[in-house]
């Protein structure tokens, strides 16, 4: 298990992606899977950067744990920002036209669809969101 603690600022997204990709490459993660994970990591990190500490800033810890056979990656984001469960919001109705849909929620919906599992809990004053993806 590897951890990165970094200020939740959009400018740090490249560092977060490099950290995650570097660990996944060590497990010969297929490029298609890595791209899906990268999109999910970007969506979650940018959401934390934009909303968790507004108007201030704070840290987010990203933990990557690869285990099992076949290998599975669990990527956990932990922040001390405003409590927010992204899984509690109803999924957008993607059958509606763009002008009929409510604003927001599409990014989290895409993350849910691209990951094998996604869990949230508010624990000890912190948001803990875990993304799980099989690497094969």
N, C-alpha and C. Protein backbone atom coordinates (compact mmCIF):
# COMPACT_ATOMS: atom_id res chain seq x y z
N UNK A 1 0.85 -1.17 0.00
CA UNK A 1 0.00 0.00 0.00
C UNK A 1 0.90 1.24 0.00
N UNK A 2 0.63 2.13 -0.93
CA UNK A 2 1.39 3.38 -1.04
C UNK A 2 0.46 4.56 -0.83
N UNK A 3 0.99 5.62 -0.21
CA UNK A 3 0.17 6.80 0.08
C UNK A 3 0.84 8.07 -0.43
N UNK A 4 0.01 9.00 -0.83
CA UNK A 4 0.45 10.34 -1.22
C UNK A 4 -0.46 11.33 -0.53
N UNK A 5 0.12 12.23 0.26
CA UNK A 5 -0.65 13.30 0.88
C UNK A 5 -0.27 14.57 0.15
N UNK A 6 -1.29 15.28 -0.37
CA UNK A 6 -1.02 16.42 -1.23
C UNK A 6 -2.12 17.47 -1.04
N UNK A 7 -1.78 18.71 -1.26
CA UNK A 7 -2.78 19.77 -1.17
C UNK A 7 -3.81 19.58 -2.27
N UNK A 8 -5.07 19.69 -1.90
CA UNK A 8 -6.18 19.48 -2.85
C UNK A 8 -6.35 20.72 -3.72
N UNK A 9 -5.45 20.85 -4.69
CA UNK A 9 -5.49 21.93 -5.66
C UNK A 9 -5.41 21.32 -7.05
N UNK A 10 -6.21 21.83 -7.97
CA UNK A 10 -6.25 21.29 -9.33
C UNK A 10 -4.85 21.24 -9.94
N UNK A 11 -4.00 22.19 -9.57
CA UNK A 11 -2.63 22.23 -10.10
C UNK A 11 -1.82 20.98 -9.73
N UNK A 12 -2.28 20.23 -8.75
CA UNK A 12 -1.57 19.02 -8.32
C UNK A 12 -2.08 17.75 -8.98
N UNK A 13 -3.03 17.88 -9.90
CA UNK A 13 -3.61 16.70 -10.55
C UNK A 13 -2.55 15.85 -11.24
N UNK A 14 -1.61 16.47 -11.94
CA UNK A 14 -0.57 15.70 -12.64
C UNK A 14 0.25 14.85 -11.67
N UNK A 15 0.54 15.40 -10.49
CA UNK A 15 1.31 14.64 -9.50
C UNK A 15 0.52 13.43 -9.00
N UNK A 16 -0.78 13.62 -8.83
CA UNK A 16 -1.64 12.53 -8.37
C UNK A 16 -1.70 11.44 -9.44
N UNK A 17 -1.92 11.84 -10.68
CA UNK A 17 -2.00 10.87 -11.78
C UNK A 17 -0.68 10.12 -11.95
N UNK A 18 0.44 10.83 -11.88
CA UNK A 18 1.75 10.18 -11.98
C UNK A 18 1.95 9.17 -10.85
N UNK A 19 1.53 9.53 -9.65
CA UNK A 19 1.64 8.63 -8.50
C UNK A 19 0.85 7.34 -8.75
N UNK A 20 -0.42 7.48 -9.13
CA UNK A 20 -1.27 6.32 -9.35
C UNK A 20 -0.74 5.49 -10.52
N UNK A 21 -0.43 6.13 -11.64
CA UNK A 21 0.04 5.40 -12.82
C UNK A 21 1.34 4.66 -12.55
N UNK A 22 2.24 5.28 -11.81
CA UNK A 22 3.50 4.64 -11.49
C UNK A 22 3.31 3.34 -10.74
N UNK A 23 2.34 3.32 -9.84
CA UNK A 23 2.06 2.10 -9.08
C UNK A 23 1.36 1.06 -9.95
N UNK A 24 0.44 1.49 -10.79
CA UNK A 24 -0.29 0.54 -11.64
C UNK A 24 0.63 -0.08 -12.70
N UNK A 25 1.57 0.68 -13.20
CA UNK A 25 2.51 0.16 -14.20
C UNK A 25 3.33 -1.00 -13.63
N UNK A 26 3.62 -0.94 -12.35
CA UNK A 26 4.39 -2.02 -11.72
C UNK A 26 3.62 -3.35 -11.73
N UNK A 27 2.30 -3.27 -11.93
CA UNK A 27 1.46 -4.48 -11.98
C UNK A 27 1.01 -4.79 -13.41
N UNK A 28 1.70 -4.20 -14.38
CA UNK A 28 1.36 -4.41 -15.80
C UNK A 28 -0.11 -4.16 -16.09
N UNK A 29 -0.62 -3.10 -15.51
CA UNK A 29 -2.02 -2.72 -15.73
C UNK A 29 -2.23 -2.42 -17.21
N UNK A 30 -3.23 -3.03 -17.85
CA UNK A 30 -3.51 -2.73 -19.25
C UNK A 30 -3.82 -1.25 -19.46
N UNK A 31 -3.39 -0.71 -20.60
CA UNK A 31 -3.56 0.72 -20.88
C UNK A 31 -5.03 1.14 -20.81
N UNK A 32 -5.94 0.33 -21.34
CA UNK A 32 -7.37 0.69 -21.32
C UNK A 32 -7.87 0.82 -19.88
N UNK A 33 -7.45 -0.10 -19.02
CA UNK A 33 -7.85 -0.05 -17.62
C UNK A 33 -7.23 1.16 -16.93
N UNK A 34 -5.96 1.43 -17.22
CA UNK A 34 -5.29 2.58 -16.62
C UNK A 34 -5.97 3.89 -17.03
N UNK A 35 -6.39 3.98 -18.27
CA UNK A 35 -7.07 5.19 -18.73
C UNK A 35 -8.39 5.38 -17.99
N UNK A 36 -9.13 4.30 -17.76
CA UNK A 36 -10.39 4.39 -17.00
C UNK A 36 -10.12 4.84 -15.57
N UNK A 37 -9.09 4.28 -14.98
CA UNK A 37 -8.73 4.66 -13.61
C UNK A 37 -8.30 6.13 -13.59
N UNK A 38 -7.52 6.56 -14.56
CA UNK A 38 -7.07 7.96 -14.62
C UNK A 38 -8.25 8.93 -14.69
N UNK A 39 -9.25 8.61 -15.50
CA UNK A 39 -10.43 9.47 -15.62
C UNK A 39 -11.16 9.54 -14.28
N UNK A 40 -11.29 8.40 -13.62
CA UNK A 40 -11.97 8.36 -12.32
C UNK A 40 -11.19 9.14 -11.27
N UNK A 41 -9.87 8.93 -11.23
CA UNK A 41 -9.02 9.65 -10.27
C UNK A 41 -9.11 11.15 -10.52
N UNK A 42 -9.08 11.55 -11.77
CA UNK A 42 -9.19 12.99 -12.09
C UNK A 42 -10.51 13.55 -11.60
N UNK A 43 -11.60 12.87 -11.87
CA UNK A 43 -12.92 13.35 -11.46
C UNK A 43 -13.00 13.51 -9.94
N UNK A 44 -12.55 12.51 -9.21
CA UNK A 44 -12.64 12.57 -7.75
C UNK A 44 -11.71 13.64 -7.19
N UNK A 45 -10.46 13.67 -7.66
CA UNK A 45 -9.51 14.65 -7.13
C UNK A 45 -9.96 16.08 -7.42
N UNK A 46 -10.43 16.34 -8.63
CA UNK A 46 -10.88 17.69 -8.98
C UNK A 46 -12.11 18.08 -8.15
N UNK A 47 -13.02 17.13 -7.91
CA UNK A 47 -14.17 17.42 -7.05
C UNK A 47 -13.72 17.81 -5.64
N UNK A 48 -12.77 17.07 -5.09
CA UNK A 48 -12.24 17.40 -3.76
C UNK A 48 -11.60 18.79 -3.80
N UNK A 49 -10.81 19.06 -4.83
CA UNK A 49 -10.12 20.34 -4.95
C UNK A 49 -11.11 21.50 -5.04
N UNK A 50 -12.19 21.30 -5.75
CA UNK A 50 -13.16 22.39 -5.96
C UNK A 50 -14.13 22.58 -4.81
N UNK A 51 -14.51 21.50 -4.13
CA UNK A 51 -15.63 21.61 -3.21
C UNK A 51 -15.36 21.27 -1.74
N UNK A 52 -14.35 20.48 -1.45
CA UNK A 52 -14.19 19.99 -0.08
C UNK A 52 -13.86 21.09 0.93
N UNK A 53 -13.04 22.04 0.52
CA UNK A 53 -12.55 23.03 1.49
C UNK A 53 -12.95 24.46 1.15
N UNK A 54 -13.81 24.66 0.19
CA UNK A 54 -14.18 25.99 -0.29
C UNK A 54 -14.59 26.90 0.85
N UNK A 55 -14.07 28.11 0.92
CA UNK A 55 -13.17 28.79 -0.01
C UNK A 55 -11.69 28.55 0.29
N UNK A 56 -11.40 27.77 1.32
CA UNK A 56 -10.01 27.52 1.69
C UNK A 56 -9.47 26.32 0.92
N UNK A 57 -8.36 25.82 1.37
CA UNK A 57 -7.79 24.61 0.78
C UNK A 57 -7.33 23.70 1.91
N UNK A 58 -7.11 22.46 1.59
CA UNK A 58 -6.66 21.48 2.57
C UNK A 58 -6.03 20.31 1.84
N UNK A 59 -5.67 19.31 2.59
CA UNK A 59 -4.98 18.16 2.01
C UNK A 59 -5.94 17.02 1.69
N UNK A 60 -5.50 16.18 0.78
CA UNK A 60 -6.17 14.93 0.49
C UNK A 60 -5.09 13.85 0.47
N UNK A 61 -5.42 12.71 1.03
CA UNK A 61 -4.50 11.58 1.00
C UNK A 61 -5.04 10.56 0.01
N UNK A 62 -4.18 10.14 -0.90
CA UNK A 62 -4.53 9.12 -1.87
C UNK A 62 -3.74 7.87 -1.53
N UNK A 63 -4.45 6.78 -1.32
CA UNK A 63 -3.83 5.51 -0.96
C UNK A 63 -4.15 4.51 -2.07
N UNK A 64 -3.13 3.86 -2.58
CA UNK A 64 -3.31 2.84 -3.62
C UNK A 64 -2.85 1.50 -3.06
N UNK A 65 -3.75 0.54 -3.11
CA UNK A 65 -3.45 -0.80 -2.62
C UNK A 65 -3.82 -1.79 -3.72
N UNK A 66 -2.83 -2.51 -4.22
CA UNK A 66 -3.07 -3.53 -5.24
C UNK A 66 -2.84 -4.88 -4.58
N UNK A 67 -3.85 -5.74 -4.69
CA UNK A 67 -3.74 -7.06 -4.07
C UNK A 67 -4.62 -8.05 -4.81
N UNK A 68 -4.48 -9.30 -4.43
CA UNK A 68 -5.32 -10.36 -4.96
C UNK A 68 -4.79 -10.97 -6.24
N UNK A 69 -5.47 -12.02 -6.63
CA UNK A 69 -5.14 -12.72 -7.87
C UNK A 69 -6.45 -13.12 -8.53
N UNK A 70 -6.85 -12.53 -9.61
CA UNK A 70 -6.10 -11.51 -10.36
C UNK A 70 -6.04 -10.20 -9.57
N UNK A 71 -5.04 -9.36 -9.91
CA UNK A 71 -4.84 -8.13 -9.14
C UNK A 71 -6.00 -7.15 -9.26
N UNK A 72 -6.25 -6.49 -8.15
CA UNK A 72 -7.32 -5.51 -8.05
C UNK A 72 -6.75 -4.28 -7.34
N UNK A 73 -7.04 -3.10 -7.87
CA UNK A 73 -6.55 -1.85 -7.27
C UNK A 73 -7.67 -1.19 -6.47
N UNK A 74 -7.35 -0.81 -5.25
CA UNK A 74 -8.25 0.00 -4.42
C UNK A 74 -7.58 1.34 -4.24
N UNK A 75 -8.23 2.39 -4.70
CA UNK A 75 -7.69 3.75 -4.62
C UNK A 75 -8.60 4.54 -3.69
N UNK A 76 -8.05 4.95 -2.56
CA UNK A 76 -8.84 5.62 -1.53
C UNK A 76 -8.43 7.08 -1.40
N UNK A 77 -9.44 7.95 -1.41
CA UNK A 77 -9.25 9.39 -1.22
C UNK A 77 -9.79 9.73 0.16
N UNK A 78 -8.97 10.37 0.98
CA UNK A 78 -9.39 10.77 2.32
C UNK A 78 -9.14 12.26 2.48
N UNK A 79 -10.20 13.00 2.86
CA UNK A 79 -10.04 14.44 3.09
C UNK A 79 -10.84 14.84 4.32
N UNK A 80 -10.49 15.99 4.88
CA UNK A 80 -11.16 16.51 6.07
C UNK A 80 -12.11 17.64 5.73
N UNK A 81 -12.53 17.70 4.48
CA UNK A 81 -13.42 18.76 4.03
C UNK A 81 -14.85 18.56 4.48
N UNK A 82 -15.73 19.32 3.87
CA UNK A 82 -17.15 19.25 4.15
C UNK A 82 -17.65 17.82 3.89
N UNK A 83 -18.40 17.23 4.82
CA UNK A 83 -18.91 15.87 4.58
C UNK A 83 -19.75 15.82 3.31
N UNK A 84 -19.42 14.87 2.43
CA UNK A 84 -20.16 14.74 1.18
C UNK A 84 -20.07 13.31 0.67
N UNK A 85 -21.23 12.69 0.53
CA UNK A 85 -21.30 11.33 -0.01
C UNK A 85 -21.73 11.41 -1.47
N UNK A 86 -20.79 11.25 -2.40
CA UNK A 86 -21.15 11.36 -3.81
C UNK A 86 -22.04 10.22 -4.29
N UNK A 87 -22.13 9.14 -3.53
CA UNK A 87 -22.96 8.01 -3.92
C UNK A 87 -24.41 8.19 -3.51
N UNK A 88 -24.68 9.17 -2.65
CA UNK A 88 -26.04 9.38 -2.15
C UNK A 88 -26.93 10.07 -3.18
N UNK A 89 -26.32 10.81 -4.09
CA UNK A 89 -27.09 11.53 -5.09
C UNK A 89 -27.60 10.55 -6.15
N UNK A 90 -28.83 10.75 -6.55
CA UNK A 90 -29.42 9.90 -7.58
C UNK A 90 -28.68 10.08 -8.91
N UNK A 91 -28.50 8.99 -9.63
CA UNK A 91 -27.83 9.05 -10.93
C UNK A 91 -28.64 9.91 -11.89
N UNK A 92 -27.94 10.66 -12.76
CA UNK A 92 -28.68 11.46 -13.74
C UNK A 92 -29.39 10.55 -14.75
N UNK A 93 -30.48 11.04 -15.27
CA UNK A 93 -31.23 10.30 -16.29
C UNK A 93 -30.59 10.60 -17.64
N UNK A 94 -29.70 9.71 -18.08
CA UNK A 94 -28.95 9.96 -19.32
C UNK A 94 -29.81 9.72 -20.56
N UNK A 95 -31.06 9.27 -20.37
CA UNK A 95 -31.95 9.11 -21.52
C UNK A 95 -32.57 10.45 -21.92
N UNK A 96 -32.49 11.44 -21.04
CA UNK A 96 -33.03 12.77 -21.35
C UNK A 96 -32.06 13.54 -22.22
N UNK A 97 -32.56 14.50 -22.96
CA UNK A 97 -31.69 15.37 -23.75
C UNK A 97 -30.92 16.28 -22.81
N UNK A 98 -29.84 16.85 -23.29
CA UNK A 98 -28.99 17.71 -22.46
C UNK A 98 -29.76 18.86 -21.84
N UNK A 99 -30.66 19.47 -22.58
CA UNK A 99 -31.39 20.62 -22.03
C UNK A 99 -32.47 20.21 -21.03
N UNK A 100 -32.79 18.91 -20.93
CA UNK A 100 -33.77 18.44 -19.96
C UNK A 100 -33.12 17.92 -18.67
N UNK A 101 -31.82 17.64 -18.71
CA UNK A 101 -31.14 17.07 -17.54
C UNK A 101 -30.81 18.14 -16.51
N UNK A 102 -30.76 17.71 -15.24
CA UNK A 102 -30.30 18.61 -14.19
C UNK A 102 -28.78 18.73 -14.30
N UNK A 103 -28.26 19.88 -13.87
CA UNK A 103 -26.83 20.10 -13.90
C UNK A 103 -26.17 19.31 -12.78
N UNK A 104 -25.01 18.72 -13.09
CA UNK A 104 -24.22 18.02 -12.07
C UNK A 104 -24.51 16.54 -12.00
N UNK A 105 -23.53 15.83 -11.46
CA UNK A 105 -23.69 14.41 -11.21
C UNK A 105 -23.21 13.49 -12.31
N UNK A 106 -22.95 14.02 -13.50
CA UNK A 106 -22.54 13.16 -14.61
C UNK A 106 -21.15 12.58 -14.38
N UNK A 107 -20.23 13.36 -13.82
CA UNK A 107 -18.88 12.88 -13.57
C UNK A 107 -18.86 11.70 -12.61
N UNK A 108 -19.56 11.82 -11.50
CA UNK A 108 -19.63 10.73 -10.53
C UNK A 108 -20.32 9.52 -11.14
N UNK A 109 -21.34 9.76 -11.95
CA UNK A 109 -22.04 8.67 -12.65
C UNK A 109 -21.06 7.91 -13.54
N UNK A 110 -20.22 8.64 -14.27
CA UNK A 110 -19.22 8.00 -15.14
C UNK A 110 -18.22 7.18 -14.32
N UNK A 111 -17.81 7.72 -13.17
CA UNK A 111 -16.89 6.99 -12.30
C UNK A 111 -17.54 5.70 -11.83
N UNK A 112 -18.79 5.77 -11.39
CA UNK A 112 -19.49 4.56 -10.92
C UNK A 112 -19.56 3.51 -12.02
N UNK A 113 -19.82 3.94 -13.24
CA UNK A 113 -19.95 3.01 -14.36
C UNK A 113 -18.61 2.40 -14.78
N UNK A 114 -17.51 3.12 -14.57
CA UNK A 114 -16.21 2.64 -15.04
C UNK A 114 -15.44 1.83 -13.99
N UNK A 115 -15.84 1.92 -12.73
CA UNK A 115 -15.17 1.17 -11.67
C UNK A 115 -15.96 -0.10 -11.36
N UNK A 116 -15.29 -1.08 -10.77
CA UNK A 116 -15.97 -2.32 -10.38
C UNK A 116 -16.71 -2.16 -9.06
N UNK A 117 -16.25 -1.23 -8.24
CA UNK A 117 -16.91 -0.96 -6.96
C UNK A 117 -16.52 0.45 -6.53
N UNK A 118 -17.38 1.05 -5.73
CA UNK A 118 -17.13 2.39 -5.21
C UNK A 118 -17.83 2.47 -3.87
N UNK A 119 -17.07 2.90 -2.83
CA UNK A 119 -17.62 2.96 -1.48
C UNK A 119 -17.28 4.31 -0.84
N UNK A 120 -18.22 4.79 -0.02
CA UNK A 120 -17.99 6.04 0.72
C UNK A 120 -18.37 5.81 2.18
N UNK A 121 -17.58 6.44 3.05
CA UNK A 121 -17.97 6.54 4.46
C UNK A 121 -17.39 7.82 5.03
N UNK A 122 -18.10 8.34 6.04
CA UNK A 122 -17.61 9.50 6.78
C UNK A 122 -17.14 8.94 8.10
N UNK A 123 -15.81 9.01 8.33
CA UNK A 123 -15.21 8.36 9.49
C UNK A 123 -14.23 9.30 10.17
N UNK A 124 -14.37 9.48 11.46
CA UNK A 124 -13.45 10.30 12.26
C UNK A 124 -13.27 11.70 11.66
N UNK A 125 -14.39 12.30 11.22
CA UNK A 125 -14.34 13.66 10.67
C UNK A 125 -13.74 13.74 9.28
N UNK A 126 -13.71 12.62 8.57
CA UNK A 126 -13.11 12.61 7.23
C UNK A 126 -14.00 11.89 6.22
N UNK A 127 -13.99 12.42 5.00
CA UNK A 127 -14.59 11.73 3.86
C UNK A 127 -13.61 10.66 3.40
N UNK A 128 -14.10 9.43 3.22
CA UNK A 128 -13.26 8.33 2.75
C UNK A 128 -13.99 7.69 1.57
N UNK A 129 -13.44 7.90 0.38
CA UNK A 129 -14.04 7.38 -0.84
C UNK A 129 -13.06 6.41 -1.48
N UNK A 130 -13.53 5.19 -1.74
CA UNK A 130 -12.67 4.16 -2.32
C UNK A 130 -13.20 3.72 -3.66
N UNK A 131 -12.30 3.71 -4.65
CA UNK A 131 -12.59 3.20 -5.99
C UNK A 131 -11.90 1.86 -6.12
N UNK A 132 -12.56 0.87 -6.69
CA UNK A 132 -11.97 -0.45 -6.87
C UNK A 132 -12.09 -0.84 -8.32
N UNK A 133 -10.96 -1.31 -8.89
CA UNK A 133 -10.94 -1.73 -10.29
C UNK A 133 -10.06 -2.96 -10.45
N UNK A 134 -10.62 -3.99 -11.09
CA UNK A 134 -9.81 -5.16 -11.44
C UNK A 134 -8.82 -4.75 -12.52
N UNK A 135 -7.60 -5.24 -12.42
CA UNK A 135 -6.56 -4.81 -13.34
C UNK A 135 -6.41 -5.72 -14.56
N UNK A 136 -7.29 -6.70 -14.72
CA UNK A 136 -7.20 -7.58 -15.89
C UNK A 136 -8.45 -7.46 -16.74
